[in-house]
């Protein structure tokens, strides 16, 4: 899947959760949604986008915070 499409999808999720009054709950909600509904092949490139200045600049700030806070949990396990 195209990483720009993933950025758009993540931003839509972020915009939904950004309206929550509890900021930490919103961060957790974004991460939980991505973990639950995104396949590992989708999570890997969105996490890699955090390390790309051009792509990370396109991410909603709350998405950046959520992905950064929950990066370890969202990172797919490497097959042995």
PDB file of N, CA and C in Angstrom:
ATOM      1  N   UNK A   1       0.850  -1.180   0.000  1.00  0.00           N
ATOM      2  CA  UNK A   1       0.000   0.000   0.000  1.00  0.00           C
ATOM      3  C   UNK A   1       0.895   1.242   0.000  1.00  0.00           C
ATOM      4  N   UNK A   2       0.482   2.257  -0.730  1.00  0.00           N
ATOM      5  CA  UNK A   2       1.225   3.502  -0.851  1.00  0.00           C
ATOM      6  C   UNK A   2       1.290   4.222   0.497  1.00  0.00           C
ATOM      7  N   UNK A   3       2.486   4.642   0.885  1.00  0.00           N
ATOM      8  CA  UNK A   3       2.657   5.280   2.188  1.00  0.00           C
ATOM      9  C   UNK A   3       1.869   6.584   2.289  1.00  0.00           C
ATOM     10  N   UNK A   4       1.686   7.288   1.182  1.00  0.00           N
ATOM     11  CA  UNK A   4       0.901   8.524   1.234  1.00  0.00           C
ATOM     12  C   UNK A   4      -0.562   8.233   1.565  1.00  0.00           C
ATOM     13  N   UNK A   5      -1.070   7.111   1.082  1.00  0.00           N
ATOM     14  CA  UNK A   5      -2.435   6.702   1.431  1.00  0.00           C
ATOM     15  C   UNK A   5      -2.515   6.356   2.913  1.00  0.00           C
ATOM     16  N   UNK A   6      -1.481   5.713   3.424  1.00  0.00           N
ATOM     17  CA  UNK A   6      -1.450   5.382   4.852  1.00  0.00           C
ATOM     18  C   UNK A   6      -1.401   6.643   5.701  1.00  0.00           C
ATOM     19  N   UNK A   7      -0.638   7.632   5.257  1.00  0.00           N
ATOM     20  CA  UNK A   7      -0.580   8.909   5.966  1.00  0.00           C
ATOM     21  C   UNK A   7      -1.972   9.545   5.998  1.00  0.00           C
ATOM     22  N   UNK A   8      -2.654   9.535   4.874  1.00  0.00           N
ATOM     23  CA  UNK A   8      -4.011  10.089   4.819  1.00  0.00           C
ATOM     24  C   UNK A   8      -4.951   9.346   5.768  1.00  0.00           C
ATOM     25  N   UNK A   9      -4.864   8.025   5.759  1.00  0.00           N
ATOM     26  CA  UNK A   9      -5.728   7.220   6.627  1.00  0.00           C
ATOM     27  C   UNK A   9      -5.406   7.497   8.102  1.00  0.00           C
ATOM     28  N   UNK A  10      -4.132   7.553   8.436  1.00  0.00           N
ATOM     29  CA  UNK A  10      -3.735   7.821   9.823  1.00  0.00           C
ATOM     30  C   UNK A  10      -4.216   9.202  10.260  1.00  0.00           C
ATOM     31  N   UNK A  11      -4.138  10.172   9.359  1.00  0.00           N
ATOM     32  CA  UNK A  11      -4.601  11.520   9.689  1.00  0.00           C
ATOM     33  C   UNK A  11      -6.110  11.558   9.924  1.00  0.00           C
ATOM     34  N   UNK A  12      -6.872  10.770   9.166  1.00  0.00           N
ATOM     35  CA  UNK A  12      -8.316  10.706   9.396  1.00  0.00           C
ATOM     36  C   UNK A  12      -8.611  10.133  10.776  1.00  0.00           C
ATOM     37  N   UNK A  13      -7.867   9.107  11.150  1.00  0.00           N
ATOM     38  CA  UNK A  13      -8.029   8.521  12.491  1.00  0.00           C
ATOM     39  C   UNK A  13      -7.660   9.568  13.539  1.00  0.00           C
ATOM     40  N   UNK A  14      -6.552  10.253  13.320  1.00  0.00           N
ATOM     41  CA  UNK A  14      -6.103  11.280  14.248  1.00  0.00           C
ATOM     42  C   UNK A  14      -7.112  12.399  14.419  1.00  0.00           C
ATOM     43  N   UNK A  15      -7.717  12.840  13.326  1.00  0.00           N
ATOM     44  CA  UNK A  15      -8.715  13.907  13.403  1.00  0.00           C
ATOM     45  C   UNK A  15      -9.925  13.475  14.222  1.00  0.00           C
ATOM     46  N   UNK A  16     -10.317  12.213  14.095  1.00  0.00           N
ATOM     47  CA  UNK A  16     -11.433  11.710  14.884  1.00  0.00           C
ATOM     48  C   UNK A  16     -11.091  11.753  16.377  1.00  0.00           C
ATOM     49  N   UNK A  17      -9.949  11.204  16.733  1.00  0.00           N
ATOM     50  CA  UNK A  17      -9.586  11.106  18.145  1.00  0.00           C
ATOM     51  C   UNK A  17      -9.145  12.445  18.739  1.00  0.00           C
ATOM     52  N   UNK A  18      -8.728  13.382  17.897  1.00  0.00           N
ATOM     53  CA  UNK A  18      -8.263  14.675  18.387  1.00  0.00           C
ATOM     54  C   UNK A  18      -9.368  15.459  19.092  1.00  0.00           C
ATOM     55  N   UNK A  19     -10.615  15.127  18.818  1.00  0.00           N
ATOM     56  CA  UNK A  19     -11.733  15.835  19.455  1.00  0.00           C
ATOM     57  C   UNK A  19     -12.003  15.351  20.886  1.00  0.00           C
ATOM     58  N   UNK A  20     -11.323  14.288  21.303  1.00  0.00           N
ATOM     59  CA  UNK A  20     -11.541  13.767  22.659  1.00  0.00           C
ATOM     60  C   UNK A  20     -10.952  14.738  23.680  1.00  0.00           C
ATOM     61  N   UNK A  21     -11.640  14.948  24.790  1.00  0.00           N
ATOM     62  CA  UNK A  21     -11.124  15.867  25.800  1.00  0.00           C
ATOM     63  C   UNK A  21      -9.877  15.355  26.527  1.00  0.00           C
ATOM     64  N   UNK A  22      -9.738  14.052  26.661  1.00  0.00           N
ATOM     65  CA  UNK A  22      -8.576  13.470  27.340  1.00  0.00           C
ATOM     66  C   UNK A  22      -7.509  13.146  26.293  1.00  0.00           C
ATOM     67  N   UNK A  23      -6.439  13.943  26.290  1.00  0.00           N
ATOM     68  CA  UNK A  23      -5.393  13.812  25.265  1.00  0.00           C
ATOM     69  C   UNK A  23      -4.727  12.433  25.301  1.00  0.00           C
ATOM     70  N   UNK A  24      -4.422  11.934  26.478  1.00  0.00           N
ATOM     71  CA  UNK A  24      -3.767  10.628  26.591  1.00  0.00           C
ATOM     72  C   UNK A  24      -4.683   9.507  26.095  1.00  0.00           C
ATOM     73  N   UNK A  25      -5.955   9.624  26.384  1.00  0.00           N
ATOM     74  CA  UNK A  25      -6.928   8.647  25.890  1.00  0.00           C
ATOM     75  C   UNK A  25      -6.995   8.687  24.366  1.00  0.00           C
ATOM     76  N   UNK A  26      -6.877   9.878  23.801  1.00  0.00           N
ATOM     77  CA  UNK A  26      -6.875  10.021  22.345  1.00  0.00           C
ATOM     78  C   UNK A  26      -5.648   9.346  21.739  1.00  0.00           C
ATOM     79  N   UNK A  27      -4.481   9.556  22.341  1.00  0.00           N
ATOM     80  CA  UNK A  27      -3.255   8.918  21.846  1.00  0.00           C
ATOM     81  C   UNK A  27      -3.383   7.398  21.892  1.00  0.00           C
ATOM     82  N   UNK A  28      -3.893   6.903  23.003  1.00  0.00           N
ATOM     83  CA  UNK A  28      -4.085   5.460  23.146  1.00  0.00           C
ATOM     84  C   UNK A  28      -5.107   4.944  22.134  1.00  0.00           C
ATOM     85  N   UNK A  29      -6.162   5.707  21.893  1.00  0.00           N
ATOM     86  CA  UNK A  29      -7.202   5.306  20.941  1.00  0.00           C
ATOM     87  C   UNK A  29      -6.668   5.197  19.518  1.00  0.00           C
ATOM     88  N   UNK A  30      -5.836   6.143  19.126  1.00  0.00           N
ATOM     89  CA  UNK A  30      -5.228   6.102  17.787  1.00  0.00           C
ATOM     90  C   UNK A  30      -4.375   4.847  17.655  1.00  0.00           C
ATOM     91  N   UNK A  31      -3.517   4.627  18.627  1.00  0.00           N
ATOM     92  CA  UNK A  31      -2.623   3.464  18.574  1.00  0.00           C
ATOM     93  C   UNK A  31      -3.411   2.159  18.601  1.00  0.00           C
ATOM     94  N   UNK A  32      -4.431   2.095  19.443  1.00  0.00           N
ATOM     95  CA  UNK A  32      -5.239   0.872  19.519  1.00  0.00           C
ATOM     96  C   UNK A  32      -5.949   0.598  18.202  1.00  0.00           C
ATOM     97  N   UNK A  33      -6.473   1.636  17.583  1.00  0.00           N
ATOM     98  CA  UNK A  33      -7.161   1.468  16.298  1.00  0.00           C
ATOM     99  C   UNK A  33      -6.179   0.940  15.241  1.00  0.00           C
ATOM    100  N   UNK A  34      -5.023   1.559  15.151  1.00  0.00           N
ATOM    101  CA  UNK A  34      -4.034   1.136  14.155  1.00  0.00           C
ATOM    102  C   UNK A  34      -3.564  -0.285  14.438  1.00  0.00           C
ATOM    103  N   UNK A  35      -3.336  -0.597  15.689  1.00  0.00           N
ATOM    104  CA  UNK A  35      -2.877  -1.953  16.030  1.00  0.00           C
ATOM    105  C   UNK A  35      -3.933  -3.002  15.696  1.00  0.00           C
ATOM    106  N   UNK A  36      -5.176  -2.673  15.984  1.00  0.00           N
ATOM    107  CA  UNK A  36      -6.265  -3.635  15.808  1.00  0.00           C
ATOM    108  C   UNK A  36      -6.669  -3.814  14.345  1.00  0.00           C
ATOM    109  N   UNK A  37      -6.702  -2.729  13.587  1.00  0.00           N
ATOM    110  CA  UNK A  37      -7.275  -2.792  12.243  1.00  0.00           C
ATOM    111  C   UNK A  37      -6.265  -2.725  11.095  1.00  0.00           C
ATOM    112  N   UNK A  38      -5.036  -2.397  11.380  1.00  0.00           N
ATOM    113  CA  UNK A  38      -4.026  -2.314  10.324  1.00  0.00           C
ATOM    114  C   UNK A  38      -3.145  -3.554  10.354  1.00  0.00           C
ATOM    115  N   UNK A  39      -2.971  -4.140   9.201  1.00  0.00           N
ATOM    116  CA  UNK A  39      -2.074  -5.302   9.071  1.00  0.00           C
ATOM    117  C   UNK A  39      -0.636  -4.846   9.285  1.00  0.00           C
ATOM    118  N   UNK A  40       0.227  -5.775   9.699  1.00  0.00           N
ATOM    119  CA  UNK A  40       1.643  -5.416   9.872  1.00  0.00           C
ATOM    120  C   UNK A  40       2.249  -4.745   8.639  1.00  0.00           C
ATOM    121  N   UNK A  41       1.845  -5.181   7.445  1.00  0.00           N
ATOM    122  CA  UNK A  41       2.399  -4.577   6.215  1.00  0.00           C
ATOM    123  C   UNK A  41       1.971  -3.123   6.059  1.00  0.00           C
ATOM    124  N   UNK A  42       0.969  -2.681   6.817  1.00  0.00           N
ATOM    125  CA  UNK A  42       0.550  -1.284   6.810  1.00  0.00           C
ATOM    126  C   UNK A  42       1.230  -0.512   7.947  1.00  0.00           C
ATOM    127  N   UNK A  43       1.399  -1.170   9.085  1.00  0.00           N
ATOM    128  CA  UNK A  43       2.005  -0.503  10.246  1.00  0.00           C
ATOM    129  C   UNK A  43       3.483  -0.194  10.022  1.00  0.00           C
ATOM    130  N   UNK A  44       4.187  -1.096   9.363  1.00  0.00           N
ATOM    131  CA  UNK A  44       5.626  -0.893   9.156  1.00  0.00           C
ATOM    132  C   UNK A  44       5.915   0.410   8.403  1.00  0.00           C
ATOM    133  N   UNK A  45       5.288   0.655   7.252  1.00  0.00           N
ATOM    134  CA  UNK A  45       5.619   1.902   6.555  1.00  0.00           C
ATOM    135  C   UNK A  45       5.171   3.177   7.270  1.00  0.00           C
ATOM    136  N   UNK A  46       4.073   3.117   8.024  1.00  0.00           N
ATOM    137  CA  UNK A  46       3.651   4.341   8.724  1.00  0.00           C
ATOM    138  C   UNK A  46       4.622   4.641   9.862  1.00  0.00           C
ATOM    139  N   UNK A  47       5.161   3.613  10.497  1.00  0.00           N
ATOM    140  CA  UNK A  47       6.171   3.836  11.537  1.00  0.00           C
ATOM    141  C   UNK A  47       7.472   4.335  10.923  1.00  0.00           C
ATOM    142  N   UNK A  48       7.830   3.815   9.763  1.00  0.00           N
ATOM    143  CA  UNK A  48       9.034   4.288   9.068  1.00  0.00           C
ATOM    144  C   UNK A  48       8.868   5.740   8.631  1.00  0.00           C
ATOM    145  N   UNK A  49       7.640   6.162   8.366  1.00  0.00           N
ATOM    146  CA  UNK A  49       7.373   7.551   7.978  1.00  0.00           C
ATOM    147  C   UNK A  49       7.765   8.528   9.078  1.00  0.00           C
ATOM    148  N   UNK A  50       7.737   8.078  10.327  1.00  0.00           N
ATOM    149  CA  UNK A  50       8.155   8.938  11.435  1.00  0.00           C
ATOM    150  C   UNK A  50       9.607   9.379  11.284  1.00  0.00           C
ATOM    151  N   UNK A  51      10.421   8.548  10.663  1.00  0.00           N
ATOM    152  CA  UNK A  51      11.850   8.831  10.512  1.00  0.00           C
ATOM    153  C   UNK A  51      12.175   9.589   9.228  1.00  0.00           C
ATOM    154  N   UNK A  52      11.169   9.828   8.411  1.00  0.00           N
ATOM    155  CA  UNK A  52      11.339  10.554   7.153  1.00  0.00           C
ATOM    156  C   UNK A  52      10.772  11.961   7.342  1.00  0.00           C
ATOM    157  N   UNK A  53      11.623  12.990   7.353  1.00  0.00           N
ATOM    158  CA  UNK A  53      11.138  14.346   7.624  1.00  0.00           C
ATOM    159  C   UNK A  53      10.015  14.803   6.684  1.00  0.00           C
ATOM    160  N   UNK A  54      10.102  14.432   5.422  1.00  0.00           N
ATOM    161  CA  UNK A  54       9.081  14.850   4.458  1.00  0.00           C
ATOM    162  C   UNK A  54       7.727  14.202   4.771  1.00  0.00           C
ATOM    163  N   UNK A  55       7.750  12.897   5.069  1.00  0.00           N
ATOM    164  CA  UNK A  55       6.502  12.195   5.373  1.00  0.00           C
ATOM    165  C   UNK A  55       5.970  12.553   6.752  1.00  0.00           C
ATOM    166  N   UNK A  56       6.850  12.649   7.735  1.00  0.00           N
ATOM    167  CA  UNK A  56       6.378  12.957   9.089  1.00  0.00           C
ATOM    168  C   UNK A  56       5.756  14.350   9.153  1.00  0.00           C
ATOM    169  N   UNK A  57       6.198  15.258   8.277  1.00  0.00           N
ATOM    170  CA  UNK A  57       5.609  16.597   8.232  1.00  0.00           C
ATOM    171  C   UNK A  57       4.168  16.555   7.734  1.00  0.00           C
ATOM    172  N   UNK A  58       3.789  15.505   7.024  1.00  0.00           N
ATOM    173  CA  UNK A  58       2.425  15.358   6.511  1.00  0.00           C
ATOM    174  C   UNK A  58       1.481  14.745   7.541  1.00  0.00           C
ATOM    175  N   UNK A  59       2.035  14.164   8.591  1.00  0.00           N
ATOM    176  CA  UNK A  59       1.219  13.515   9.617  1.00  0.00           C
ATOM    177  C   UNK A  59       0.667  14.556  10.594  1.00  0.00           C
ATOM    178  N   UNK A  60      -0.582  14.365  10.983  1.00  0.00           N
ATOM    179  CA  UNK A  60      -1.230  15.210  11.992  1.00  0.00           C
ATOM    180  C   UNK A  60      -0.392  15.100  13.272  1.00  0.00           C
ATOM    181  N   UNK A  61      -0.158  16.205  13.979  1.00  0.00           N
ATOM    182  CA  UNK A  61       0.672  16.148  15.190  1.00  0.00           C
ATOM    183  C   UNK A  61       0.233  15.098  16.208  1.00  0.00           C
ATOM    184  N   UNK A  62      -1.077  14.902  16.378  1.00  0.00           N
ATOM    185  CA  UNK A  62      -1.522  13.902  17.347  1.00  0.00           C
ATOM    186  C   UNK A  62      -1.178  12.484  16.881  1.00  0.00           C
ATOM    187  N   UNK A  63      -1.135  12.277  15.576  1.00  0.00           N
ATOM    188  CA  UNK A  63      -0.756  10.969  15.040  1.00  0.00           C
ATOM    189  C   UNK A  63       0.725  10.721  15.313  1.00  0.00           C
ATOM    190  N   UNK A  64       1.536  11.734  15.115  1.00  0.00           N
ATOM    191  CA  UNK A  64       2.972  11.605  15.396  1.00  0.00           C
ATOM    192  C   UNK A  64       3.172  11.243  16.866  1.00  0.00           C
ATOM    193  N   UNK A  65       2.475  11.936  17.750  1.00  0.00           N
ATOM    194  CA  UNK A  65       2.603  11.659  19.186  1.00  0.00           C
ATOM    195  C   UNK A  65       2.163  10.237  19.517  1.00  0.00           C
ATOM    196  N   UNK A  66       1.044   9.807  18.946  1.00  0.00           N
ATOM    197  CA  UNK A  66       0.522   8.464  19.229  1.00  0.00           C
ATOM    198  C   UNK A  66       1.463   7.388  18.707  1.00  0.00           C
ATOM    199  N   UNK A  67       1.936   7.555  17.481  1.00  0.00           N
ATOM    200  CA  UNK A  67       2.834   6.555  16.900  1.00  0.00           C
ATOM    201  C   UNK A  67       4.154   6.500  17.662  1.00  0.00           C
ATOM    202  N   UNK A  68       4.640   7.656  18.062  1.00  0.00           N
ATOM    203  CA  UNK A  68       5.899   7.703  18.811  1.00  0.00           C
ATOM    204  C   UNK A  68       5.731   7.057  20.188  1.00  0.00           C
ATOM    205  N   UNK A  69       4.655   7.412  20.866  1.00  0.00           N
ATOM    206  CA  UNK A  69       4.407   6.874  22.217  1.00  0.00           C
ATOM    207  C   UNK A  69       4.243   5.352  22.192  1.00  0.00           C
ATOM    208  N   UNK A  70       3.589   4.839  21.164  1.00  0.00           N
ATOM    209  CA  UNK A  70       3.253   3.414  21.104  1.00  0.00           C
ATOM    210  C   UNK A  70       4.051   2.656  20.045  1.00  0.00           C
ATOM    211  N   UNK A  71       5.159   3.210  19.625  1.00  0.00           N
ATOM    212  CA  UNK A  71       5.932   2.618  18.530  1.00  0.00           C
ATOM    213  C   UNK A  71       6.300   1.159  18.803  1.00  0.00           C
ATOM    214  N   UNK A  72       6.740   0.877  20.000  1.00  0.00           N
ATOM    215  CA  UNK A  72       7.174  -0.495  20.323  1.00  0.00           C
ATOM    216  C   UNK A  72       6.027  -1.498  20.168  1.00  0.00           C
ATOM    217  N   UNK A  73       4.866  -1.145  20.654  1.00  0.00           N
ATOM    218  CA  UNK A  73       3.708  -2.045  20.572  1.00  0.00           C
ATOM    219  C   UNK A  73       3.218  -2.180  19.125  1.00  0.00           C
ATOM    220  N   UNK A  74       3.314  -1.091  18.366  1.00  0.00           N
ATOM    221  CA  UNK A  74       2.824  -1.102  16.991  1.00  0.00           C
ATOM    222  C   UNK A  74       3.782  -1.777  16.011  1.00  0.00           C
ATOM    223  N   UNK A  75       5.042  -1.911  16.391  1.00  0.00           N
ATOM    224  CA  UNK A  75       6.030  -2.516  15.512  1.00  0.00           C
ATOM    225  C   UNK A  75       5.738  -4.014  15.393  1.00  0.00           C
ATOM    226  N   UNK A  76       5.523  -4.487  14.168  1.00  0.00           N
ATOM    227  CA  UNK A  76       5.238  -5.912  13.978  1.00  0.00           C
ATOM    228  C   UNK A  76       6.418  -6.780  14.415  1.00  0.00           C
ATOM    229  N   UNK A  77       6.081  -7.941  14.938  1.00  0.00           N
ATOM    230  CA  UNK A  77       7.123  -8.889  15.341  1.00  0.00           C
ATOM    231  C   UNK A  77       7.836  -9.402  14.101  1.00  0.00           C
ATOM    232  N   UNK A  78       9.120  -9.615  14.224  1.00  0.00           N
ATOM    233  CA  UNK A  78       9.909 -10.134  13.115  1.00  0.00           C
ATOM    234  C   UNK A  78       9.812 -11.663  13.143  1.00  0.00           C
ATOM    235  N   UNK A  79       9.473 -12.238  11.998  1.00  0.00           N
ATOM    236  CA  UNK A  79       9.366 -13.698  11.911  1.00  0.00           C
ATOM    237  C   UNK A  79      10.752 -14.319  12.053  1.00  0.00           C
ATOM    238  N   UNK A  80      10.812 -15.387  12.809  1.00  0.00           N
ATOM    239  CA  UNK A  80      12.102 -16.057  13.034  1.00  0.00           C
ATOM    240  C   UNK A  80      12.486 -16.970  11.899  1.00  0.00           C
TER     241      UNK A  80
END
